[in-house]
Amino acid sequence: MANDQIWNYIADYISGILSREQFWVLAKFKYPTHQIAFCSRRSLKYLRYLGNYEVAI
């Protein structure tokens, strides 16, 4: 996740603060976190805006 949350869980697991079971409970995604990176101008030309909608949490 972009906010380093997962990295913090990994660091806690490696340092022994979290057990493996605790790590997986925390690391499980609780909401969609779809992240896509388009790293070139060429890739951007294949995108087409179709619309948007709001998701209630």
C-alpha atoms as a PDB file:
ATOM      1  CA  MET A   1       0.000   0.000   0.000  1.00  0.00           C
ATOM      2  CA  ALA A   2       1.210   3.459  -0.821  1.00  0.00           C
ATOM      3  CA  ASN A   3       1.097   4.669   2.784  1.00  0.00           C
ATOM      4  CA  ASP A   4       3.765   2.186   4.022  1.00  0.00           C
ATOM      5  CA  GLN A   5       1.272   0.380   6.225  1.00  0.00           C
ATOM      6  CA  ILE A   6       2.275  -3.061   4.910  1.00  0.00           C
ATOM      7  CA  TRP A   7       5.978  -2.252   5.292  1.00  0.00           C
ATOM      8  CA  ASN A   8       5.388  -1.400   8.966  1.00  0.00           C
ATOM      9  CA  TYR A   9       3.678  -4.769   9.463  1.00  0.00           C
ATOM     10  CA  ILE A  10       6.616  -6.539   7.787  1.00  0.00           C
ATOM     11  CA  ALA A  11       9.115  -4.698   9.979  1.00  0.00           C
ATOM     12  CA  ASP A  12       7.128  -5.644  13.096  1.00  0.00           C
ATOM     13  CA  TYR A  13       6.999  -9.286  11.977  1.00  0.00           C
ATOM     14  CA  ILE A  14      10.745  -9.405  11.271  1.00  0.00           C
ATOM     15  CA  SER A  15      11.552  -7.818  14.626  1.00  0.00           C
ATOM     16  CA  GLY A  16       9.340 -10.336  16.433  1.00  0.00           C
ATOM     17  CA  ILE A  17       6.663  -7.871  17.547  1.00  0.00           C
ATOM     18  CA  LEU A  18       4.012  -9.659  15.469  1.00  0.00           C
ATOM     19  CA  SER A  19       3.465 -13.386  14.999  1.00  0.00           C
ATOM     20  CA  ARG A  20       2.837 -14.751  11.513  1.00  0.00           C
ATOM     21  CA  GLU A  21      -0.883 -15.049  12.285  1.00  0.00           C
ATOM     22  CA  GLN A  22      -1.077 -11.470  13.582  1.00  0.00           C
ATOM     23  CA  PHE A  23       0.747 -10.236  10.481  1.00  0.00           C
ATOM     24  CA  TRP A  24      -1.738 -11.861   8.083  1.00  0.00           C
ATOM     25  CA  VAL A  25      -4.740 -10.538  10.012  1.00  0.00           C
ATOM     26  CA  LEU A  26      -3.358  -6.993   9.747  1.00  0.00           C
ATOM     27  CA  ALA A  27      -2.109  -7.338   6.166  1.00  0.00           C
ATOM     28  CA  LYS A  28      -5.468  -8.552   4.833  1.00  0.00           C
ATOM     29  CA  PHE A  29      -6.959  -5.832   2.644  1.00  0.00           C
ATOM     30  CA  LYS A  30     -10.019  -4.284   4.208  1.00  0.00           C
ATOM     31  CA  TYR A  31     -10.985  -2.218   1.181  1.00  0.00           C
ATOM     32  CA  PRO A  32      -9.991  -2.119  -2.493  1.00  0.00           C
ATOM     33  CA  THR A  33      -6.580  -0.578  -3.070  1.00  0.00           C
ATOM     34  CA  HIS A  34      -6.144  -0.910  -6.812  1.00  0.00           C
ATOM     35  CA  GLN A  35      -3.043   0.943  -7.916  1.00  0.00           C
ATOM     36  CA  ILE A  36      -1.831   1.052 -11.506  1.00  0.00           C
ATOM     37  CA  ALA A  37       1.202   2.995 -12.735  1.00  0.00           C
ATOM     38  CA  PHE A  38       1.524   4.168 -16.323  1.00  0.00           C
ATOM     39  CA  CYS A  39       5.194   5.016 -16.709  1.00  0.00           C
ATOM     40  CA  SER A  40       5.425   6.172 -20.297  1.00  0.00           C
ATOM     41  CA  ARG A  41       3.633   8.527 -22.651  1.00  0.00           C
ATOM     42  CA  ARG A  42       3.079   5.589 -24.996  1.00  0.00           C
ATOM     43  CA  SER A  43       1.106   3.683 -22.344  1.00  0.00           C
ATOM     44  CA  LEU A  44      -1.102   6.701 -21.638  1.00  0.00           C
ATOM     45  CA  LYS A  45      -2.376   6.866 -25.220  1.00  0.00           C
ATOM     46  CA  TYR A  46      -4.202   3.565 -24.675  1.00  0.00           C
ATOM     47  CA  LEU A  47      -6.377   4.979 -21.872  1.00  0.00           C
ATOM     48  CA  ARG A  48      -9.913   6.178 -22.451  1.00  0.00           C
ATOM     49  CA  TYR A  49     -12.015   7.940 -19.798  1.00  0.00           C
ATOM     50  CA  LEU A  50     -15.351   6.155 -19.389  1.00  0.00           C
ATOM     51  CA  GLY A  51     -16.722   7.901 -16.318  1.00  0.00           C
ATOM     52  CA  ASN A  52     -16.607   7.764 -12.561  1.00  0.00           C
ATOM     53  CA  TYR A  53     -18.748   6.836  -9.576  1.00  0.00           C
ATOM     54  CA  GLU A  54     -18.582   7.261  -5.813  1.00  0.00           C
ATOM     55  CA  VAL A  55     -18.284   4.274  -3.503  1.00  0.00           C
ATOM     56  CA  ALA A  56     -19.844   4.544  -0.052  1.00  0.00           C
ATOM     57  CA  ILE A  57     -17.649   3.167   2.727  1.00  0.00           C
END
